[in-house]
Amino acid sequence: MKAFDIFYLRKLGLSNSQIRKIIDYEKGRGEEVLRNRLVVSGCKEPFDRLQKAKKLDPQALRAEFHSFPSFVVDDSVYPASLKEIYDPPLLLFYQGNLDLLQLPALAVVGSRMASPYGIQAVSKIITELQGKLAIVSGLARGIDTAAHKAALRAATPTIGILGTGLGRVYPLENKRLQEYMGHHQLLLSEYGPQETAKPYHFPNRNRIIAGLSVAVLVAEAKVRSGSLITADRALESGREIYAIPGSILLESHEGCHQLLKEGARYVSCGLDILNDLKLT
């Protein structure tokens, strides 16, 4: 299936798994009309989606699609590690240097309400990695932002996985950071370029962060948080989990302590990670 066809079906609200059913169906049946695609996908209310399709402006849709380059799951540039995760994205839009996808990477995740301790700890560890691992994070405020900025200061490649389309900025305070990374590093999104932020986007993008990485570092997190979702996704894919210990008095560190109790590796410096991954 062509990249634009995947983009088009996502615009109609179909999930990756529903589109996969269409791809599998069309392998044996050849080209089918949109009606058959919607029916075979198993999506709810296929005929309502047909009406939605009639309201879409084809010219505007193609303009949005072509506003950023993209690749699909069968393209040679698609990372093999990303294919290993549950529900790998079928289509990814990108901005920047795709060569960064060839580098071994460490995912860094944590609280949006990061403490000075968390920010300093992340900066210290990333600096001590000596550029031997690219840094992958989600461009959210807090630990994500601290990780990207620390990587840039340390001249370390960094990849941002957005929970919006590449044509949007979220949060707005990261406008300059996002623009800089789009020109000098790499940004990825499975959402159409003009897709706005929706609550479910952020847990979904966590699987991509985990999938692109050989390991995940959780810097500061509550027990119920997106960071622990990322860690769970990483464990499902056989990745190593590292956690930075914090204060036993603060709720914002309880997630890291729980991970450590469950077998995550204790980390106090970058060398801990390099030694564990045999990168020294």
C-alpha atoms as a PDB file:
ATOM      1  CA  MET A   1       0.000   0.000   0.000  1.00  0.00           C
ATOM      2  CA  LYS A   2       1.335   3.443  -0.910  1.00  0.00           C
ATOM      3  CA  ALA A   3       2.220   5.979   1.765  1.00  0.00           C
ATOM      4  CA  PHE A   4      -0.552   8.338   0.686  1.00  0.00           C
ATOM      5  CA  ASP A   5      -3.154   5.562   0.912  1.00  0.00           C
ATOM      6  CA  ILE A   6      -2.113   4.867   4.521  1.00  0.00           C
ATOM      7  CA  PHE A   7      -2.247   8.598   5.294  1.00  0.00           C
ATOM      8  CA  TYR A   8      -5.703   8.821   3.693  1.00  0.00           C
ATOM      9  CA  LEU A   9      -7.099   5.907   5.703  1.00  0.00           C
ATOM     10  CA  ARG A  10      -5.639   7.348   8.916  1.00  0.00           C
ATOM     11  CA  LYS A  11      -7.501  10.566   8.095  1.00  0.00           C
ATOM     12  CA  LEU A  12     -10.702   8.534   8.114  1.00  0.00           C
ATOM     13  CA  GLY A  13      -9.861   7.345  11.613  1.00  0.00           C
ATOM     14  CA  LEU A  14      -8.627   3.825  10.891  1.00  0.00           C
ATOM     15  CA  SER A  15      -6.024   2.314  13.220  1.00  0.00           C
ATOM     16  CA  ASN A  16      -2.809   0.571  12.180  1.00  0.00           C
ATOM     17  CA  SER A  17      -4.317  -2.863  12.850  1.00  0.00           C
ATOM     18  CA  GLN A  18      -7.371  -2.041  10.726  1.00  0.00           C
ATOM     19  CA  ILE A  19      -5.188  -0.870   7.844  1.00  0.00           C
ATOM     20  CA  ARG A  20      -3.112  -4.060   8.128  1.00  0.00           C
ATOM     21  CA  LYS A  21      -6.286  -6.074   7.549  1.00  0.00           C
ATOM     22  CA  ILE A  22      -6.823  -4.100   4.348  1.00  0.00           C
ATOM     23  CA  ILE A  23      -3.226  -4.715   3.228  1.00  0.00           C
ATOM     24  CA  ASP A  24      -3.562  -8.451   3.887  1.00  0.00           C
ATOM     25  CA  TYR A  25      -6.895  -8.522   2.057  1.00  0.00           C
ATOM     26  CA  GLU A  26      -5.603  -6.663  -0.986  1.00  0.00           C
ATOM     27  CA  LYS A  27      -2.574  -8.927  -1.332  1.00  0.00           C
ATOM     28  CA  GLY A  28      -4.914 -11.651  -2.453  1.00  0.00           C
ATOM     29  CA  ARG A  29      -7.645  -9.627  -4.145  1.00  0.00           C
ATOM     30  CA  GLY A  30      -5.880  -6.869  -6.034  1.00  0.00           C
ATOM     31  CA  GLU A  31      -7.204  -3.304  -6.032  1.00  0.00           C
ATOM     32  CA  GLU A  32     -10.475  -2.714  -4.225  1.00  0.00           C
ATOM     33  CA  VAL A  33     -12.594   0.369  -3.894  1.00  0.00           C
ATOM     34  CA  LEU A  34     -12.618   2.403  -0.689  1.00  0.00           C
ATOM     35  CA  ARG A  35     -15.883   0.782   0.350  1.00  0.00           C
ATOM     36  CA  ASN A  36     -14.277  -2.668   0.423  1.00  0.00           C
ATOM     37  CA  ARG A  37     -11.248  -1.318   2.258  1.00  0.00           C
ATOM     38  CA  LEU A  38     -13.398   0.057   5.035  1.00  0.00           C
ATOM     39  CA  VAL A  39     -15.520  -3.063   5.356  1.00  0.00           C
ATOM     40  CA  VAL A  40     -12.589  -5.486   5.437  1.00  0.00           C
ATOM     41  CA  SER A  41     -10.734  -3.373   8.026  1.00  0.00           C
ATOM     42  CA  GLY A  42     -13.389  -4.197  10.607  1.00  0.00           C
ATOM     43  CA  CYS A  43     -13.722  -0.544  11.613  1.00  0.00           C
ATOM     44  CA  LYS A  44     -16.973   0.661  13.132  1.00  0.00           C
ATOM     45  CA  GLU A  45     -19.500   2.492  10.959  1.00  0.00           C
ATOM     46  CA  PRO A  46     -17.694   2.073   7.600  1.00  0.00           C
ATOM     47  CA  PHE A  47     -20.425   3.842   5.671  1.00  0.00           C
ATOM     48  CA  ASP A  48     -20.201   6.896   7.929  1.00  0.00           C
ATOM     49  CA  ARG A  49     -16.528   6.993   7.027  1.00  0.00           C
ATOM     50  CA  LEU A  50     -17.455   6.867   3.362  1.00  0.00           C
ATOM     51  CA  GLN A  51     -19.468  10.029   3.934  1.00  0.00           C
ATOM     52  CA  LYS A  52     -16.478  11.531   5.725  1.00  0.00           C
ATOM     53  CA  ALA A  53     -14.310  10.692   2.708  1.00  0.00           C
ATOM     54  CA  LYS A  54     -16.636  12.676   0.453  1.00  0.00           C
ATOM     55  CA  LYS A  55     -16.139  15.770   2.629  1.00  0.00           C
ATOM     56  CA  LEU A  56     -12.345  15.668   2.445  1.00  0.00           C
ATOM     57  CA  ASP A  57     -10.705  18.066   0.003  1.00  0.00           C
ATOM     58  CA  PRO A  58      -8.411  15.865  -2.153  1.00  0.00           C
ATOM     59  CA  GLN A  59      -6.176  18.786  -3.123  1.00  0.00           C
ATOM     60  CA  ALA A  60      -5.748  19.967   0.472  1.00  0.00           C
ATOM     61  CA  LEU A  61      -5.165  16.388   1.597  1.00  0.00           C
ATOM     62  CA  ARG A  62      -2.357  15.860  -0.910  1.00  0.00           C
ATOM     63  CA  ALA A  63      -0.836  19.239  -0.014  1.00  0.00           C
ATOM     64  CA  GLU A  64      -0.751  18.221   3.655  1.00  0.00           C
ATOM     65  CA  PHE A  65       0.688  14.801   2.823  1.00  0.00           C
ATOM     66  CA  HIS A  66       3.490  16.275   0.712  1.00  0.00           C
ATOM     67  CA  SER A  67       4.390  19.005   3.228  1.00  0.00           C
ATOM     68  CA  PHE A  68       6.834  16.573   4.895  1.00  0.00           C
ATOM     69  CA  PRO A  69       8.605  13.494   3.509  1.00  0.00           C
ATOM     70  CA  SER A  70       7.540  10.084   4.752  1.00  0.00           C
ATOM     71  CA  PHE A  71       8.335   6.385   4.599  1.00  0.00           C
ATOM     72  CA  VAL A  72       6.320   3.220   5.155  1.00  0.00           C
ATOM     73  CA  VAL A  73       6.968  -0.012   7.017  1.00  0.00           C
ATOM     74  CA  ASP A  74       8.209  -1.837   3.894  1.00  0.00           C
ATOM     75  CA  ASP A  75      10.778   0.823   2.931  1.00  0.00           C
ATOM     76  CA  SER A  76      14.476   0.052   3.407  1.00  0.00           C
ATOM     77  CA  VAL A  77      14.955   3.045   5.733  1.00  0.00           C
ATOM     78  CA  TYR A  78      12.388   1.701   8.204  1.00  0.00           C
ATOM     79  CA  PRO A  79      14.310   0.599  11.337  1.00  0.00           C
ATOM     80  CA  ALA A  80      14.280  -3.152  11.883  1.00  0.00           C
ATOM     81  CA  SER A  81      14.020  -2.625  15.655  1.00  0.00           C
ATOM     82  CA  LEU A  82      10.763  -0.718  15.197  1.00  0.00           C
ATOM     83  CA  LYS A  83       9.205  -3.663  13.385  1.00  0.00           C
ATOM     84  CA  GLU A  84       9.690  -5.741  16.555  1.00  0.00           C
ATOM     85  CA  ILE A  85       7.258  -3.720  18.679  1.00  0.00           C
ATOM     86  CA  TYR A  86       3.546  -4.252  19.132  1.00  0.00           C
ATOM     87  CA  ASP A  87       1.613  -2.369  16.422  1.00  0.00           C
ATOM     88  CA  PRO A  88       4.570  -0.785  14.557  1.00  0.00           C
ATOM     89  CA  PRO A  89       3.546   2.413  12.755  1.00  0.00           C
ATOM     90  CA  LEU A  90       2.769   1.777   9.088  1.00  0.00           C
ATOM     91  CA  LEU A  91       3.641   5.327   8.022  1.00  0.00           C
ATOM     92  CA  LEU A  92       6.083   7.821   9.517  1.00  0.00           C
ATOM     93  CA  PHE A  93       6.570  11.439   8.536  1.00  0.00           C
ATOM     94  CA  TYR A  94      10.008  12.873   9.178  1.00  0.00           C
ATOM     95  CA  GLN A  95      12.040  16.047   9.188  1.00  0.00           C
ATOM     96  CA  GLY A  96      15.817  16.018   9.390  1.00  0.00           C
ATOM     97  CA  ASN A  97      18.562  13.434   9.031  1.00  0.00           C
ATOM     98  CA  LEU A  98      17.344   9.847   8.591  1.00  0.00           C
ATOM     99  CA  ASP A  99      20.904   8.563   9.039  1.00  0.00           C
ATOM    100  CA  LEU A 100      20.340   8.984  12.788  1.00  0.00           C
ATOM    101  CA  LEU A 101      18.082   5.924  12.645  1.00  0.00           C
ATOM    102  CA  GLN A 102      21.176   3.797  12.018  1.00  0.00           C
ATOM    103  CA  LEU A 103      22.720   4.725  15.391  1.00  0.00           C
ATOM    104  CA  PRO A 104      22.258   2.776  18.634  1.00  0.00           C
ATOM    105  CA  ALA A 105      19.969   4.892  20.788  1.00  0.00           C
ATOM    106  CA  LEU A 106      18.942   5.382  24.399  1.00  0.00           C
ATOM    107  CA  ALA A 107      15.398   6.504  25.164  1.00  0.00           C
ATOM    108  CA  VAL A 108      15.179   9.054  27.972  1.00  0.00           C
ATOM    109  CA  VAL A 109      11.772   9.625  29.557  1.00  0.00           C
ATOM    110  CA  GLY A 110      10.402  11.173  32.720  1.00  0.00           C
ATOM    111  CA  SER A 111       8.118  13.693  34.338  1.00  0.00           C
ATOM    112  CA  ARG A 112       6.783  16.786  32.586  1.00  0.00           C
ATOM    113  CA  MET A 113       7.046  18.479  35.999  1.00  0.00           C
ATOM    114  CA  ALA A 114      10.739  17.708  36.324  1.00  0.00           C
ATOM    115  CA  SER A 115      12.639  18.822  39.407  1.00  0.00           C
ATOM    116  CA  PRO A 116      16.049  20.538  39.223  1.00  0.00           C
ATOM    117  CA  TYR A 117      17.507  17.239  40.469  1.00  0.00           C
ATOM    118  CA  GLY A 118      15.953  15.279  37.593  1.00  0.00           C
ATOM    119  CA  ILE A 119      17.123  17.782  34.982  1.00  0.00           C
ATOM    120  CA  GLN A 120      20.666  17.856  36.386  1.00  0.00           C
ATOM    121  CA  ALA A 121      20.831  14.055  36.623  1.00  0.00           C
ATOM    122  CA  VAL A 122      19.766  13.628  32.993  1.00  0.00           C
ATOM    123  CA  SER A 123      22.270  16.236  31.817  1.00  0.00           C
ATOM    124  CA  LYS A 124      25.084  14.566  33.777  1.00  0.00           C
ATOM    125  CA  ILE A 125      24.382  11.079  32.461  1.00  0.00           C
ATOM    126  CA  ILE A 126      23.938  12.139  28.822  1.00  0.00           C
ATOM    127  CA  THR A 127      27.202  14.090  28.926  1.00  0.00           C
ATOM    128  CA  GLU A 128      28.974  11.036  30.353  1.00  0.00           C
ATOM    129  CA  LEU A 129      27.709   8.836  27.508  1.00  0.00           C
ATOM    130  CA  GLN A 130      30.293  10.603  25.308  1.00  0.00           C
ATOM    131  CA  GLY A 131      28.096  10.513  22.216  1.00  0.00           C
ATOM    132  CA  LYS A 132      28.142   6.699  22.034  1.00  0.00           C
ATOM    133  CA  LEU A 133      24.342   6.542  22.067  1.00  0.00           C
ATOM    134  CA  ALA A 134      21.876   8.783  20.268  1.00  0.00           C
ATOM    135  CA  ILE A 135      19.165  10.158  22.563  1.00  0.00           C
ATOM    136  CA  VAL A 136      15.497   9.508  21.766  1.00  0.00           C
ATOM    137  CA  SER A 137      12.712  11.325  23.590  1.00  0.00           C
ATOM    138  CA  GLY A 138       9.317  12.901  23.071  1.00  0.00           C
ATOM    139  CA  LEU A 139       9.919  16.680  22.990  1.00  0.00           C
ATOM    140  CA  ALA A 140       7.510  17.149  25.894  1.00  0.00           C
ATOM    141  CA  ARG A 141       8.269  19.657  28.625  1.00  0.00           C
ATOM    142  CA  GLY A 142      10.321  18.488  31.582  1.00  0.00           C
ATOM    143  CA  ILE A 143      12.664  15.506  31.304  1.00  0.00           C
ATOM    144  CA  ASP A 144      12.141  15.120  27.531  1.00  0.00           C
ATOM    145  CA  THR A 145      13.226  18.695  26.890  1.00  0.00           C
ATOM    146  CA  ALA A 146      16.147  18.353  29.300  1.00  0.00           C
ATOM    147  CA  ALA A 147      17.310  15.208  27.477  1.00  0.00           C
ATOM    148  CA  HIS A 148      17.214  16.787  24.014  1.00  0.00           C
ATOM    149  CA  LYS A 149      18.997  19.927  25.210  1.00  0.00           C
ATOM    150  CA  ALA A 150      21.646  17.940  27.080  1.00  0.00           C
ATOM    151  CA  ALA A 151      22.294  15.900  23.935  1.00  0.00           C
ATOM    152  CA  LEU A 152      22.700  19.043  21.847  1.00  0.00           C
ATOM    153  CA  ARG A 153      25.108  20.558  24.374  1.00  0.00           C
ATOM    154  CA  ALA A 154      27.127  17.335  24.325  1.00  0.00           C
ATOM    155  CA  ALA A 155      27.171  17.212  20.494  1.00  0.00           C
ATOM    156  CA  THR A 156      25.187  13.961  20.681  1.00  0.00           C
ATOM    157  CA  PRO A 157      22.606  13.044  18.009  1.00  0.00           C
ATOM    158  CA  THR A 158      19.029  13.277  19.236  1.00  0.00           C
ATOM    159  CA  ILE A 159      15.681  12.141  17.816  1.00  0.00           C
ATOM    160  CA  GLY A 160      12.308  13.621  18.777  1.00  0.00           C
ATOM    161  CA  ILE A 161       9.113  11.561  18.496  1.00  0.00           C
ATOM    162  CA  LEU A 162       6.114  13.883  18.335  1.00  0.00           C
ATOM    163  CA  GLY A 163       2.611  13.288  19.628  1.00  0.00           C
ATOM    164  CA  THR A 164       1.318  15.740  17.016  1.00  0.00           C
ATOM    165  CA  GLY A 165       1.929  16.242  13.323  1.00  0.00           C
ATOM    166  CA  LEU A 166       5.257  17.742  12.268  1.00  0.00           C
ATOM    167  CA  GLY A 167       3.487  20.924  11.190  1.00  0.00           C
ATOM    168  CA  ARG A 168       2.384  21.572  14.780  1.00  0.00           C
ATOM    169  CA  VAL A 169       4.358  22.654  17.836  1.00  0.00           C
ATOM    170  CA  TYR A 170       3.494  21.189  21.227  1.00  0.00           C
ATOM    171  CA  PRO A 171       4.260  22.483  23.765  1.00  0.00           C
ATOM    172  CA  LEU A 172       4.629  25.978  22.316  1.00  0.00           C
ATOM    173  CA  GLU A 173       7.623  26.775  24.520  1.00  0.00           C
ATOM    174  CA  ASN A 174       9.611  24.197  22.537  1.00  0.00           C
ATOM    175  CA  LYS A 175       9.104  25.955  19.194  1.00  0.00           C
ATOM    176  CA  ARG A 176      12.767  26.893  18.769  1.00  0.00           C
ATOM    177  CA  LEU A 177      13.966  23.492  19.966  1.00  0.00           C
ATOM    178  CA  GLN A 178      11.642  21.655  17.582  1.00  0.00           C
ATOM    179  CA  GLU A 179      12.654  23.860  14.648  1.00  0.00           C
ATOM    180  CA  TYR A 180      16.349  23.374  15.412  1.00  0.00           C
ATOM    181  CA  MET A 181      16.011  19.602  15.697  1.00  0.00           C
ATOM    182  CA  GLY A 182      14.041  19.461  12.463  1.00  0.00           C
ATOM    183  CA  HIS A 183      16.917  21.152  10.636  1.00  0.00           C
ATOM    184  CA  HIS A 184      19.899  19.587  12.417  1.00  0.00           C
ATOM    185  CA  GLN A 185      18.712  16.336  14.060  1.00  0.00           C
ATOM    186  CA  LEU A 186      15.604  14.211  13.377  1.00  0.00           C
ATOM    187  CA  LEU A 187      11.889  14.469  14.120  1.00  0.00           C
ATOM    188  CA  LEU A 188       9.389  11.652  13.528  1.00  0.00           C
ATOM    189  CA  SER A 189       5.608  11.420  13.763  1.00  0.00           C
ATOM    190  CA  GLU A 190       3.028   8.828  12.755  1.00  0.00           C
ATOM    191  CA  TYR A 191       0.375  11.555  12.612  1.00  0.00           C
ATOM    192  CA  GLY A 192      -0.558  13.673   9.616  1.00  0.00           C
ATOM    193  CA  PRO A 193       1.432  16.943   9.453  1.00  0.00           C
ATOM    194  CA  GLN A 194      -1.461  19.109  10.664  1.00  0.00           C
ATOM    195  CA  GLU A 195      -2.758  16.686  13.307  1.00  0.00           C
ATOM    196  CA  THR A 196      -3.242  18.439  16.649  1.00  0.00           C
ATOM    197  CA  ALA A 197      -2.450  16.986  20.074  1.00  0.00           C
ATOM    198  CA  LYS A 198      -4.932  14.438  21.425  1.00  0.00           C
ATOM    199  CA  PRO A 199      -4.616  12.669  24.801  1.00  0.00           C
ATOM    200  CA  TYR A 200      -4.220   9.188  23.308  1.00  0.00           C
ATOM    201  CA  HIS A 201      -1.425  10.303  20.970  1.00  0.00           C
ATOM    202  CA  PHE A 202       1.153  10.476  23.748  1.00  0.00           C
ATOM    203  CA  PRO A 203       0.809   6.939  25.172  1.00  0.00           C
ATOM    204  CA  ASN A 204       0.795   5.690  21.565  1.00  0.00           C
ATOM    205  CA  ARG A 205       4.010   7.478  20.615  1.00  0.00           C
ATOM    206  CA  ASN A 206       5.751   5.920  23.638  1.00  0.00           C
ATOM    207  CA  ARG A 207       5.928   2.596  21.804  1.00  0.00           C
ATOM    208  CA  ILE A 208       7.917   4.296  19.016  1.00  0.00           C
ATOM    209  CA  ILE A 209      10.329   5.851  21.514  1.00  0.00           C
ATOM    210  CA  ALA A 210      10.901   2.402  23.025  1.00  0.00           C
ATOM    211  CA  GLY A 211      11.119   0.681  19.650  1.00  0.00           C
ATOM    212  CA  LEU A 212      13.884   2.929  18.327  1.00  0.00           C
ATOM    213  CA  SER A 213      16.071   2.354  21.376  1.00  0.00           C
ATOM    214  CA  VAL A 214      18.328  -0.393  22.690  1.00  0.00           C
ATOM    215  CA  ALA A 215      17.429   0.659  26.239  1.00  0.00           C
ATOM    216  CA  VAL A 216      15.238   3.101  28.170  1.00  0.00           C
ATOM    217  CA  LEU A 217      16.366   5.429  30.956  1.00  0.00           C
ATOM    218  CA  VAL A 218      13.596   6.597  33.302  1.00  0.00           C
ATOM    219  CA  ALA A 219      14.804   9.738  35.028  1.00  0.00           C
ATOM    220  CA  GLU A 220      11.889  10.869  37.181  1.00  0.00           C
ATOM    221  CA  ALA A 221       8.380   9.442  37.179  1.00  0.00           C
ATOM    222  CA  LYS A 222       5.282   8.805  39.241  1.00  0.00           C
ATOM    223  CA  VAL A 223       3.952   5.270  39.576  1.00  0.00           C
ATOM    224  CA  ARG A 224       1.113   6.044  37.163  1.00  0.00           C
ATOM    225  CA  SER A 225       2.804   7.862  34.299  1.00  0.00           C
ATOM    226  CA  GLY A 226       3.539   7.749  30.600  1.00  0.00           C
ATOM    227  CA  SER A 227       7.177   7.066  31.427  1.00  0.00           C
ATOM    228  CA  LEU A 228       6.290   3.732  32.988  1.00  0.00           C
ATOM    229  CA  ILE A 229       4.138   2.947  29.951  1.00  0.00           C
ATOM    230  CA  THR A 230       7.253   3.490  27.832  1.00  0.00           C
ATOM    231  CA  ALA A 231       9.215   1.198  30.148  1.00  0.00           C
ATOM    232  CA  ASP A 232       6.510  -1.486  29.848  1.00  0.00           C
ATOM    233  CA  ARG A 233       6.549  -1.206  26.057  1.00  0.00           C
ATOM    234  CA  ALA A 234      10.337  -1.487  26.093  1.00  0.00           C
ATOM    235  CA  LEU A 235      10.250  -4.596  28.295  1.00  0.00           C
ATOM    236  CA  GLU A 236       7.756  -6.211  25.919  1.00  0.00           C
ATOM    237  CA  SER A 237      10.307  -5.703  23.140  1.00  0.00           C
ATOM    238  CA  GLY A 238      13.248  -7.029  25.143  1.00  0.00           C
ATOM    239  CA  ARG A 239      14.929  -3.686  25.868  1.00  0.00           C
ATOM    240  CA  GLU A 240      16.986  -2.942  28.975  1.00  0.00           C
ATOM    241  CA  ILE A 241      15.434  -0.588  31.546  1.00  0.00           C
ATOM    242  CA  TYR A 242      17.520   1.823  33.623  1.00  0.00           C
ATOM    243  CA  ALA A 243      16.240   4.049  36.421  1.00  0.00           C
ATOM    244  CA  ILE A 244      17.730   6.973  38.319  1.00  0.00           C
ATOM    245  CA  PRO A 245      16.991   6.787  42.068  1.00  0.00           C
ATOM    246  CA  GLY A 246      15.582   9.838  43.814  1.00  0.00           C
ATOM    247  CA  SER A 247      14.121  11.046  47.076  1.00  0.00           C
ATOM    248  CA  ILE A 248      11.963   8.584  49.031  1.00  0.00           C
ATOM    249  CA  LEU A 249       9.913  11.587  50.153  1.00  0.00           C
ATOM    250  CA  LEU A 250       8.747  12.671  46.692  1.00  0.00           C
ATOM    251  CA  GLU A 251       5.915  11.096  44.709  1.00  0.00           C
ATOM    252  CA  SER A 252       7.658  12.117  41.487  1.00  0.00           C
ATOM    253  CA  HIS A 253      10.392   9.514  42.138  1.00  0.00           C
ATOM    254  CA  GLU A 254       8.164   6.601  43.183  1.00  0.00           C
ATOM    255  CA  GLY A 255       7.933   5.246  39.642  1.00  0.00           C
ATOM    256  CA  CYS A 256      11.720   4.921  39.380  1.00  0.00           C
ATOM    257  CA  HIS A 257      11.883   3.189  42.754  1.00  0.00           C
ATOM    258  CA  GLN A 258       9.177   0.758  41.681  1.00  0.00           C
ATOM    259  CA  LEU A 259      11.121  -0.053  38.503  1.00  0.00           C
ATOM    260  CA  LEU A 260      14.259  -0.680  40.556  1.00  0.00           C
ATOM    261  CA  LYS A 261      12.347  -3.068  42.823  1.00  0.00           C
ATOM    262  CA  GLU A 262      11.095  -4.899  39.743  1.00  0.00           C
ATOM    263  CA  GLY A 263      14.583  -5.401  38.320  1.00  0.00           C
ATOM    264  CA  ALA A 264      15.495  -2.233  36.428  1.00  0.00           C
ATOM    265  CA  ARG A 265      19.199  -1.394  36.453  1.00  0.00           C
ATOM    266  CA  TYR A 266      20.356   1.248  38.953  1.00  0.00           C
ATOM    267  CA  VAL A 267      22.092   4.152  37.209  1.00  0.00           C
ATOM    268  CA  SER A 268      24.130   6.938  38.779  1.00  0.00           C
ATOM    269  CA  CYS A 269      26.418   7.793  35.854  1.00  0.00           C
ATOM    270  CA  GLY A 270      26.703   7.356  32.112  1.00  0.00           C
ATOM    271  CA  LEU A 271      29.428   4.750  32.526  1.00  0.00           C
ATOM    272  CA  ASP A 272      26.900   2.426  34.204  1.00  0.00           C
ATOM    273  CA  ILE A 273      24.941   2.327  30.942  1.00  0.00           C
ATOM    274  CA  LEU A 274      27.984   2.079  28.668  1.00  0.00           C
ATOM    275  CA  ASN A 275      29.405  -0.808  30.700  1.00  0.00           C
ATOM    276  CA  ASP A 276      26.091  -2.653  30.765  1.00  0.00           C
ATOM    277  CA  LEU A 277      25.649  -2.309  26.994  1.00  0.00           C
ATOM    278  CA  LYS A 278      29.336  -3.142  26.413  1.00  0.00           C
ATOM    279  CA  LEU A 279      30.023   0.189  24.697  1.00  0.00           C
ATOM    280  CA  THR A 280      33.131   1.174  26.671  1.00  0.00           C
END
